[in-house]
PDB file of N, CA and C in Angstrom:
ATOM      1  N   VAL A   1     101.471 148.992 271.201  1.00  0.00           N
ATOM      2  CA  VAL A   1     101.209 149.972 272.210  1.00  0.00           C
ATOM      3  C   VAL A   1     101.308 150.960 272.608  1.00  0.00           C
ATOM      4  N   GLY A   2     102.610 151.306 273.002  1.00  0.00           N
ATOM      5  CA  GLY A   2     103.638 152.246 273.411  1.00  0.00           C
ATOM      6  C   GLY A   2     103.477 153.521 272.529  1.00  0.00           C
ATOM      7  N   ARG A   3     103.866 153.379 271.436  1.00  0.00           N
ATOM      8  CA  ARG A   3     103.094 154.316 269.992  1.00  0.00           C
ATOM      9  C   ARG A   3     101.861 155.226 269.912  1.00  0.00           C
ATOM     10  N   VAL A   4     100.532 153.923 269.772  1.00  0.00           N
ATOM     11  CA  VAL A   4      99.771 154.364 269.926  1.00  0.00           C
ATOM     12  C   VAL A   4      99.058 154.988 271.088  1.00  0.00           C
ATOM     13  N   LEU A   5      99.438 155.110 272.174  1.00  0.00           N
ATOM     14  CA  LEU A   5      99.218 156.017 273.499  1.00  0.00           C
ATOM     15  C   LEU A   5     100.582 157.477 273.646  1.00  0.00           C
ATOM     16  N   GLY A   6     101.294 157.157 272.633  1.00  0.00           N
ATOM     17  CA  GLY A   6     101.778 158.287 272.176  1.00  0.00           C
ATOM     18  C   GLY A   6     103.278 158.330 273.966  1.00  0.00           C
ATOM     19  N   ARG A   7     103.587 157.304 274.399  1.00  0.00           N
ATOM     20  CA  ARG A   7     104.570 157.017 275.004  1.00  0.00           C
ATOM     21  C   ARG A   7     105.655 156.186 274.934  1.00  0.00           C
ATOM     22  N   SER A   8     106.868 155.761 275.218  1.00  0.00           N
ATOM     23  CA  SER A   8     107.737 154.996 275.331  1.00  0.00           C
ATOM     24  C   SER A   8     108.157 153.958 276.234  1.00  0.00           C
ATOM     25  N   PRO A   9     107.274 152.773 275.730  1.00  0.00           N
ATOM     26  CA  PRO A   9     107.217 152.011 277.668  1.00  0.00           C
ATOM     27  C   PRO A   9     108.428 151.893 278.000  1.00  0.00           C
ATOM     28  N   ARG A  10     108.696 150.952 279.406  1.00  0.00           N
ATOM     29  CA  ARG A  10     110.098 151.035 280.071  1.00  0.00           C
ATOM     30  C   ARG A  10     109.332 149.375 280.788  1.00  0.00           C
ATOM     31  N   ILE A  11     110.661 148.670 279.535  1.00  0.00           N
ATOM     32  CA  ILE A  11     110.128 147.562 279.634  1.00  0.00           C
ATOM     33  C   ILE A  11     110.742 146.398 281.189  1.00  0.00           C
ATOM     34  N   VAL A  12     110.262 146.085 281.700  1.00  0.00           N
ATOM     35  CA  VAL A  12     111.118 145.067 282.967  1.00  0.00           C
ATOM     36  C   VAL A  12     111.128 143.405 282.999  1.00  0.00           C
ATOM     37  N   HIS A  13     111.219 142.845 282.464  1.00  0.00           N
ATOM     38  CA  HIS A  13     111.440 141.820 282.359  1.00  0.00           C
ATOM     39  C   HIS A  13     112.018 141.173 283.565  1.00  0.00           C
ATOM     40  N   VAL A  14     110.989 140.419 284.242  1.00  0.00           N
ATOM     41  CA  VAL A  14     110.931 139.673 285.400  1.00  0.00           C
ATOM     42  C   VAL A  14     110.793 138.396 285.840  1.00  0.00           C
ATOM     43  N   PRO A  15     110.954 136.882 285.185  1.00  0.00           N
ATOM     44  CA  PRO A  15     110.955 136.066 285.436  1.00  0.00           C
ATOM     45  C   PRO A  15     109.383 135.850 286.210  1.00  0.00           C
ATOM     46  N   SER A  16     108.830 135.032 286.005  1.00  0.00           N
ATOM     47  CA  SER A  16     107.945 133.966 286.346  1.00  0.00           C
ATOM     48  C   SER A  16     108.652 133.668 288.351  1.00  0.00           C
ATOM     49  N   GLU A  17     108.878 132.727 288.238  1.00  0.00           N
ATOM     50  CA  GLU A  17     109.523 132.350 289.627  1.00  0.00           C
ATOM     51  C   GLU A  17     109.508 133.341 290.540  1.00  0.00           C
ATOM     52  N   THR A  18     110.303 134.660 290.084  1.00  0.00           N
ATOM     53  CA  THR A  18     110.563 135.966 290.816  1.00  0.00           C
ATOM     54  C   THR A  18     109.262 136.464 291.475  1.00  0.00           C
ATOM     55  N   ILE A  19     108.645 136.672 290.367  1.00  0.00           N
ATOM     56  CA  ILE A  19     107.274 137.112 290.576  1.00  0.00           C
ATOM     57  C   ILE A  19     106.733 136.334 291.983  1.00  0.00           C
ATOM     58  N   ALA A  20     106.697 134.603 291.302  1.00  0.00           N
ATOM     59  CA  ALA A  20     105.575 134.377 292.576  1.00  0.00           C
ATOM     60  C   ALA A  20     106.602 134.009 293.999  1.00  0.00           C
ATOM     61  N   ARG A  21     107.240 134.536 293.848  1.00  0.00           N
ATOM     62  CA  ARG A  21     107.764 134.105 295.698  1.00  0.00           C
ATOM     63  C   ARG A  21     107.807 135.566 295.968  1.00  0.00           C
ATOM     64  N   LEU A  22     108.090 137.127 295.297  1.00  0.00           N
ATOM     65  CA  LEU A  22     107.789 138.493 295.640  1.00  0.00           C
ATOM     66  C   LEU A  22     106.614 138.775 295.938  1.00  0.00           C
ATOM     67  N   ALA A  23     105.547 138.177 295.400  1.00  0.00           N
ATOM     68  CA  ALA A  23     104.144 138.515 295.228  1.00  0.00           C
ATOM     69  C   ALA A  23     103.056 137.044 295.075  1.00  0.00           C
ATOM     70  N   PRO A  24     102.897 136.631 296.189  1.00  0.00           N
ATOM     71  CA  PRO A  24     102.367 134.252 295.802  1.00  0.00           C
ATOM     72  C   PRO A  24     100.990 134.524 295.252  1.00  0.00           C
ATOM     73  N   ARG A  25     100.494 135.706 295.184  1.00  0.00           N
ATOM     74  CA  ARG A  25      98.622 135.381 295.202  1.00  0.00           C
ATOM     75  C   ARG A  25      99.160 135.831 292.621  1.00  0.00           C
ATOM     76  N   PHE A  26     100.135 136.256 292.385  1.00  0.00           N
ATOM     77  CA  PHE A  26      99.922 135.661 291.143  1.00  0.00           C
ATOM     78  C   PHE A  26     100.774 134.507 290.772  1.00  0.00           C
ATOM     79  N   GLY A  27     101.161 133.400 291.588  1.00  0.00           N
ATOM     80  CA  GLY A  27     101.633 132.706 291.850  1.00  0.00           C
ATOM     81  C   GLY A  27     101.326 131.638 290.616  1.00  0.00           C
ATOM     82  N   PRO A  28     100.312 131.092 291.181  1.00  0.00           N
ATOM     83  CA  PRO A  28      99.890 130.194 290.724  1.00  0.00           C
ATOM     84  C   PRO A  28      99.133 130.080 288.869  1.00  0.00           C
ATOM     85  N   GLY A  29      98.766 131.503 288.991  1.00  0.00           N
ATOM     86  CA  GLY A  29      98.247 131.686 287.212  1.00  0.00           C
ATOM     87  C   GLY A  29      99.651 132.178 286.300  1.00  0.00           C
ATOM     88  N   LEU A  30     100.763 132.273 286.616  1.00  0.00           N
ATOM     89  CA  LEU A  30     102.133 132.343 286.467  1.00  0.00           C
ATOM     90  C   LEU A  30     102.975 131.657 286.016  1.00  0.00           C
ATOM     91  N   VAL A  31     103.630 130.351 287.151  1.00  0.00           N
ATOM     92  CA  VAL A  31     104.019 129.581 287.035  1.00  0.00           C
ATOM     93  C   VAL A  31     103.947 128.216 286.521  1.00  0.00           C
ATOM     94  N   GLY A  32     104.403 127.955 285.768  1.00  0.00           N
ATOM     95  CA  GLY A  32     103.576 126.810 284.791  1.00  0.00           C
ATOM     96  C   GLY A  32     102.963 127.020 283.776  1.00  0.00           C
ATOM     97  N   ASP A  33     102.507 126.946 282.284  1.00  0.00           N
ATOM     98  CA  ASP A  33     102.751 126.746 280.992  1.00  0.00           C
ATOM     99  C   ASP A  33     103.469 128.852 280.151  1.00  0.00           C
ATOM    100  N   LYS A  34     102.558 129.546 281.497  1.00  0.00           N
ATOM    101  CA  LYS A  34     102.248 130.634 280.943  1.00  0.00           C
ATOM    102  C   LYS A  34     103.933 131.544 281.080  1.00  0.00           C
ATOM    103  N   MET A  35     104.753 131.022 282.053  1.00  0.00           N
ATOM    104  CA  MET A  35     106.154 131.147 282.268  1.00  0.00           C
ATOM    105  C   MET A  35     106.904 130.777 281.028  1.00  0.00           C
ATOM    106  N   HIS A  36     107.079 130.612 280.116  1.00  0.00           N
ATOM    107  CA  HIS A  36     107.543 130.379 278.392  1.00  0.00           C
ATOM    108  C   HIS A  36     107.224 131.150 277.863  1.00  0.00           C
ATOM    109  N   SER A  37     108.140 131.627 277.097  1.00  0.00           N
ATOM    110  CA  SER A  37     107.099 132.728 275.787  1.00  0.00           C
ATOM    111  C   SER A  37     106.409 131.874 274.896  1.00  0.00           C
ATOM    112  N   VAL A  38     105.560 132.449 273.716  1.00  0.00           N
ATOM    113  CA  VAL A  38     105.041 131.473 273.236  1.00  0.00           C
ATOM    114  C   VAL A  38     104.685 132.415 271.880  1.00  0.00           C
ATOM    115  N   VAL A  39     104.825 131.987 270.778  1.00  0.00           N
ATOM    116  CA  VAL A  39     104.057 132.551 269.712  1.00  0.00           C
ATOM    117  C   VAL A  39     103.009 131.719 268.800  1.00  0.00           C
ATOM    118  N   PHE A  40     101.637 132.498 268.568  1.00  0.00           N
ATOM    119  CA  PHE A  40     100.527 131.905 268.180  1.00  0.00           C
ATOM    120  C   PHE A  40     100.785 132.463 266.555  1.00  0.00           C
ATOM    121  N   ASP A  41     100.882 131.385 265.748  1.00  0.00           N
ATOM    122  CA  ASP A  41     100.088 131.798 264.398  1.00  0.00           C
ATOM    123  C   ASP A  41      98.523 131.602 263.291  1.00  0.00           C
ATOM    124  N   ASN A  42      97.976 131.830 262.710  1.00  0.00           N
ATOM    125  CA  ASN A  42      96.854 131.427 262.159  1.00  0.00           C
ATOM    126  C   ASN A  42      97.026 130.188 260.834  1.00  0.00           C
ATOM    127  N   SER A  43      98.463 130.085 260.468  1.00  0.00           N
ATOM    128  CA  SER A  43      98.776 129.254 259.649  1.00  0.00           C
ATOM    129  C   SER A  43      97.936 127.892 259.633  1.00  0.00           C
ATOM    130  N   LYS A  44      97.424 127.488 260.549  1.00  0.00           N
ATOM    131  CA  LYS A  44      96.849 126.347 260.219  1.00  0.00           C
ATOM    132  C   LYS A  44      95.432 126.876 259.549  1.00  0.00           C
ATOM    133  N   ILE A  45      94.404 127.597 260.065  1.00  0.00           N
ATOM    134  CA  ILE A  45      93.320 127.791 259.737  1.00  0.00           C
ATOM    135  C   ILE A  45      94.279 128.537 258.209  1.00  0.00           C
ATOM    136  N   LYS A  46      94.270 129.187 258.306  1.00  0.00           N
ATOM    137  CA  LYS A  46      94.930 129.867 256.142  1.00  0.00           C
ATOM    138  C   LYS A  46      94.733 127.926 255.442  1.00  0.00           C
ATOM    139  N   ARG A  47      95.405 126.784 256.369  1.00  0.00           N
ATOM    140  CA  ARG A  47      95.736 125.692 255.925  1.00  0.00           C
ATOM    141  C   ARG A  47      93.983 125.479 255.045  1.00  0.00           C
ATOM    142  N   PHE A  48      93.471 124.996 255.721  1.00  0.00           N
ATOM    143  CA  PHE A  48      91.873 124.715 255.931  1.00  0.00           C
ATOM    144  C   PHE A  48      90.473 125.995 255.355  1.00  0.00           C
ATOM    145  N   VAL A  49      91.389 127.014 255.440  1.00  0.00           N
ATOM    146  CA  VAL A  49      89.647 127.838 255.297  1.00  0.00           C
ATOM    147  C   VAL A  49      91.086 129.108 254.447  1.00  0.00           C
ATOM    148  N   PRO A  50      91.274 129.032 253.440  1.00  0.00           N
ATOM    149  CA  PRO A  50      92.706 129.671 252.479  1.00  0.00           C
ATOM    150  C   PRO A  50      91.345 131.214 252.232  1.00  0.00           C
ATOM    151  N   ASP A  51      90.843 131.559 252.239  1.00  0.00           N
ATOM    152  CA  ASP A  51      90.111 131.964 252.129  1.00  0.00           C
ATOM    153  C   ASP A  51      89.716 133.063 253.431  1.00  0.00           C
ATOM    154  N   PHE A  52      90.417 132.761 254.138  1.00  0.00           N
ATOM    155  CA  PHE A  52      90.323 133.702 255.809  1.00  0.00           C
ATOM    156  C   PHE A  52      91.787 134.594 255.007  1.00  0.00           C
ATOM    157  N   THR A  53      91.136 135.502 256.285  1.00  0.00           N
ATOM    158  CA  THR A  53      92.120 136.976 256.228  1.00  0.00           C
ATOM    159  C   THR A  53      91.822 137.867 257.152  1.00  0.00           C
ATOM    160  N   THR A  54      92.739 138.262 257.572  1.00  0.00           N
ATOM    161  CA  THR A  54      92.230 139.412 258.923  1.00  0.00           C
ATOM    162  C   THR A  54      92.144 140.741 258.487  1.00  0.00           C
ATOM    163  N   ARG A  55      91.652 140.951 259.100  1.00  0.00           N
ATOM    164  CA  ARG A  55      91.257 142.623 258.793  1.00  0.00           C
ATOM    165  C   ARG A  55      91.414 143.857 259.287  1.00  0.00           C
ATOM    166  N   VAL A  56      91.533 143.653 260.385  1.00  0.00           N
ATOM    167  CA  VAL A  56      92.013 144.588 261.856  1.00  0.00           C
ATOM    168  C   VAL A  56      93.672 143.915 261.837  1.00  0.00           C
ATOM    169  N   PRO A  57      94.688 145.760 261.265  1.00  0.00           N
ATOM    170  CA  PRO A  57      95.833 145.190 261.681  1.00  0.00           C
ATOM    171  C   PRO A  57      96.098 145.753 263.574  1.00  0.00           C
ATOM    172  N   PHE A  58      97.001 144.343 263.629  1.00  0.00           N
ATOM    173  CA  PHE A  58      97.669 144.901 265.060  1.00  0.00           C
ATOM    174  C   PHE A  58      97.611 146.478 265.343  1.00  0.00           C
ATOM    175  N   HIS A  59      98.002 147.568 265.001  1.00  0.00           N
ATOM    176  CA  HIS A  59      98.115 148.257 265.171  1.00  0.00           C
ATOM    177  C   HIS A  59      96.675 148.849 265.597  1.00  0.00           C
ATOM    178  N   ARG A  60      96.002 149.337 264.680  1.00  0.00           N
ATOM    179  CA  ARG A  60      94.654 149.666 265.095  1.00  0.00           C
ATOM    180  C   ARG A  60      93.694 149.065 266.256  1.00  0.00           C
ATOM    181  N   GLY A  61      94.014 148.046 265.821  1.00  0.00           N
ATOM    182  CA  GLY A  61      92.971 146.695 267.071  1.00  0.00           C
ATOM    183  C   GLY A  61      93.533 148.073 268.508  1.00  0.00           C
ATOM    184  N   ILE A  62      94.814 147.953 268.701  1.00  0.00           N
ATOM    185  CA  ILE A  62      94.916 148.578 269.415  1.00  0.00           C
ATOM    186  C   ILE A  62      94.305 150.249 270.107  1.00  0.00           C
ATOM    187  N   GLU A  63      94.615 150.792 268.260  1.00  0.00           N
ATOM    188  CA  GLU A  63      94.022 152.046 268.786  1.00  0.00           C
ATOM    189  C   GLU A  63      92.114 151.782 269.404  1.00  0.00           C
ATOM    190  N   ARG A  64      91.807 151.146 268.994  1.00  0.00           N
ATOM    191  CA  ARG A  64      90.045 150.943 268.822  1.00  0.00           C
ATOM    192  C   ARG A  64      90.237 150.107 270.382  1.00  0.00           C
ATOM    193  N   SER A  65      91.420 149.444 270.964  1.00  0.00           N
ATOM    194  CA  SER A  65      90.902 149.545 272.578  1.00  0.00           C
ATOM    195  C   SER A  65      90.848 150.437 273.456  1.00  0.00           C
ATOM    196  N   VAL A  66      92.107 151.666 272.770  1.00  0.00           N
ATOM    197  CA  VAL A  66      92.667 152.422 273.457  1.00  0.00           C
ATOM    198  C   VAL A  66      91.527 153.817 273.669  1.00  0.00           C
ATOM    199  N   ALA A  67      90.795 153.704 272.538  1.00  0.00           N
ATOM    200  CA  ALA A  67      89.259 154.817 272.039  1.00  0.00           C
ATOM    201  C   ALA A  67      87.906 154.011 273.229  1.00  0.00           C
ATOM    202  N   TRP A  68      88.179 152.840 273.081  1.00  0.00           N
ATOM    203  CA  TRP A  68      86.967 151.719 273.582  1.00  0.00           C
ATOM    204  C   TRP A  68      87.390 151.957 275.455  1.00  0.00           C
ATOM    205  N   LEU A  69      88.485 152.109 276.197  1.00  0.00           N
ATOM    206  CA  LEU A  69      88.508 152.031 276.951  1.00  0.00           C
ATOM    207  C   LEU A  69      88.771 154.252 278.087  1.00  0.00           C
ATOM    208  N   THR A  70      89.405 154.548 276.758  1.00  0.00           N
ATOM    209  CA  THR A  70      89.437 156.380 277.461  1.00  0.00           C
ATOM    210  C   THR A  70      87.988 156.343 276.994  1.00  0.00           C
ATOM    211  N   ALA A  71      87.106 156.549 276.284  1.00  0.00           N
ATOM    212  CA  ALA A  71      85.316 156.791 276.363  1.00  0.00           C
ATOM    213  C   ALA A  71      84.139 156.583 277.269  1.00  0.00           C
ATOM    214  N   ASP A  72      85.468 155.951 278.333  1.00  0.00           N
ATOM    215  CA  ASP A  72      84.128 155.682 279.638  1.00  0.00           C
ATOM    216  C   ASP A  72      85.498 156.018 280.590  1.00  0.00           C
ATOM    217  N   PRO A  73      84.834 156.948 281.703  1.00  0.00           N
ATOM    218  CA  PRO A  73      85.993 156.774 282.896  1.00  0.00           C
ATOM    219  C   PRO A  73      85.801 155.437 283.923  1.00  0.00           C
ATOM    220  N   ALA A  74      84.688 155.185 283.968  1.00  0.00           N
ATOM    221  CA  ALA A  74      84.203 153.572 284.455  1.00  0.00           C
ATOM    222  C   ALA A  74      84.942 152.346 284.516  1.00  0.00           C
ATOM    223  N   ARG A  75      86.026 152.898 282.909  1.00  0.00           N
ATOM    224  CA  ARG A  75      86.420 151.798 283.027  1.00  0.00           C
ATOM    225  C   ARG A  75      88.199 152.061 283.027  1.00  0.00           C
ATOM    226  N   GLN A  76      88.872 152.820 283.525  1.00  0.00           N
ATOM    227  CA  GLN A  76      89.703 152.898 283.985  1.00  0.00           C
ATOM    228  C   GLN A  76      89.971 153.723 284.974  1.00  0.00           C
ATOM    229  N   THR A  77      89.731 152.682 285.658  1.00  0.00           N
ATOM    230  CA  THR A  77      90.213 152.169 287.590  1.00  0.00           C
ATOM    231  C   THR A  77      91.208 151.518 287.437  1.00  0.00           C
ATOM    232  N   ILE A  78      91.727 152.013 288.775  1.00  0.00           N
ATOM    233  CA  ILE A  78      93.302 151.419 289.074  1.00  0.00           C
ATOM    234  C   ILE A  78      93.061 150.738 290.538  1.00  0.00           C
ATOM    235  N   ASP A  79      93.421 149.071 290.316  1.00  0.00           N
ATOM    236  CA  ASP A  79      93.756 149.152 291.408  1.00  0.00           C
ATOM    237  C   ASP A  79      95.219 148.965 292.590  1.00  0.00           C
ATOM    238  N   GLU A  80      94.948 149.756 293.587  1.00  0.00           N
ATOM    239  CA  GLU A  80      95.856 150.146 293.975  1.00  0.00           C
ATOM    240  C   GLU A  80      96.707 149.124 294.519  1.00  0.00           C
ATOM    241  N   GLU A  81      96.047 148.105 295.526  1.00  0.00           N
ATOM    242  CA  GLU A  81      97.145 147.171 296.117  1.00  0.00           C
ATOM    243  C   GLU A  81      97.728 146.687 295.078  1.00  0.00           C
ATOM    244  N   THR A  82      96.836 146.259 294.227  1.00  0.00           N
ATOM    245  CA  THR A  82      98.130 145.109 292.416  1.00  0.00           C
ATOM    246  C   THR A  82      99.405 146.770 292.136  1.00  0.00           C
ATOM    247  N   GLU A  83      98.576 147.844 292.150  1.00  0.00           N
ATOM    248  CA  GLU A  83      99.505 148.509 291.205  1.00  0.00           C
ATOM    249  C   GLU A  83     101.178 148.731 292.665  1.00  0.00           C
ATOM    250  N   ARG A  84     100.585 148.427 293.910  1.00  0.00           N
ATOM    251  CA  ARG A  84     101.798 148.518 294.877  1.00  0.00           C
ATOM    252  C   ARG A  84     102.783 147.597 294.794  1.00  0.00           C
ATOM    253  N   ILE A  85     102.008 145.625 294.567  1.00  0.00           N
ATOM    254  CA  ILE A  85     102.694 144.961 294.808  1.00  0.00           C
ATOM    255  C   ILE A  85     103.509 145.051 293.419  1.00  0.00           C
ATOM    256  N   LEU A  86     102.952 145.362 292.045  1.00  0.00           N
ATOM    257  CA  LEU A  86     103.636 146.147 290.770  1.00  0.00           C
ATOM    258  C   LEU A  86     105.209 146.443 291.142  1.00  0.00           C
ATOM    259  N   ASP A  87     104.635 147.748 291.487  1.00  0.00           N
ATOM    260  CA  ASP A  87     106.150 148.960 291.501  1.00  0.00           C
ATOM    261  C   ASP A  87     106.794 148.378 292.701  1.00  0.00           C
ATOM    262  N   MET A  88     106.543 147.541 293.836  1.00  0.00           N
ATOM    263  CA  MET A  88     107.546 147.226 294.542  1.00  0.00           C
ATOM    264  C   MET A  88     108.183 145.767 294.095  1.00  0.00           C
ATOM    265  N   ILE A  89     107.694 144.635 292.996  1.00  0.00           N
ATOM    266  CA  ILE A  89     107.972 143.262 292.078  1.00  0.00           C
ATOM    267  C   ILE A  89     109.592 144.416 291.270  1.00  0.00           C
ATOM    268  N   ILE A  90     109.140 145.380 290.776  1.00  0.00           N
ATOM    269  CA  ILE A  90     110.494 146.100 289.505  1.00  0.00           C
ATOM    270  C   ILE A  90     111.190 146.940 290.309  1.00  0.00           C
ATOM    271  N   ALA A  91     110.966 147.347 291.626  1.00  0.00           N
ATOM    272  CA  ALA A  91     112.140 148.136 292.258  1.00  0.00           C
ATOM    273  C   ALA A  91     112.844 147.178 292.860  1.00  0.00           C
ATOM    274  N   ARG A  92     112.396 145.803 293.467  1.00  0.00           N
ATOM    275  CA  ARG A  92     113.322 145.325 293.977  1.00  0.00           C
ATOM    276  C   ARG A  92     114.067 144.408 292.881  1.00  0.00           C
ATOM    277  N   TYR A  93     113.718 143.908 291.683  1.00  0.00           N
ATOM    278  CA  TYR A  93     113.951 143.128 290.712  1.00  0.00           C
ATOM    279  C   TYR A  93     115.225 143.813 289.841  1.00  0.00           C
ATOM    280  N   ASP A  94     115.052 145.063 289.886  1.00  0.00           N
ATOM    281  CA  ASP A  94     115.653 146.393 288.654  1.00  0.00           C
ATOM    282  C   ASP A  94     116.791 147.162 290.208  1.00  0.00           C
ATOM    283  N   SER A  95     116.573 146.366 291.114  1.00  0.00           N
ATOM    284  CA  SER A  95     117.325 147.613 291.821  1.00  0.00           C
ATOM    285  C   SER A  95     119.111 146.469 291.765  1.00  0.00           C
TER     286      SER A  95
END
């Protein structure tokens, strides 16, 4: 995603429990099954439908998503409260 945007992301890994403690409104959506890393694959569908192929590589999908987002300024809104909360979480966790 960073490559498509021409940026180098600074990734900060914050445990779900920490996010839930610092920002309780995000807790219910994170603590539980989403707090564990998972990998999804399409091997099962390929067994049942051998002719199945993906047509859009990940980087092309991201390019399309970015193009869609940037095509309309109405899609580019920022939730200031969420940004403030995320900045606070990163500042506290990263210090």
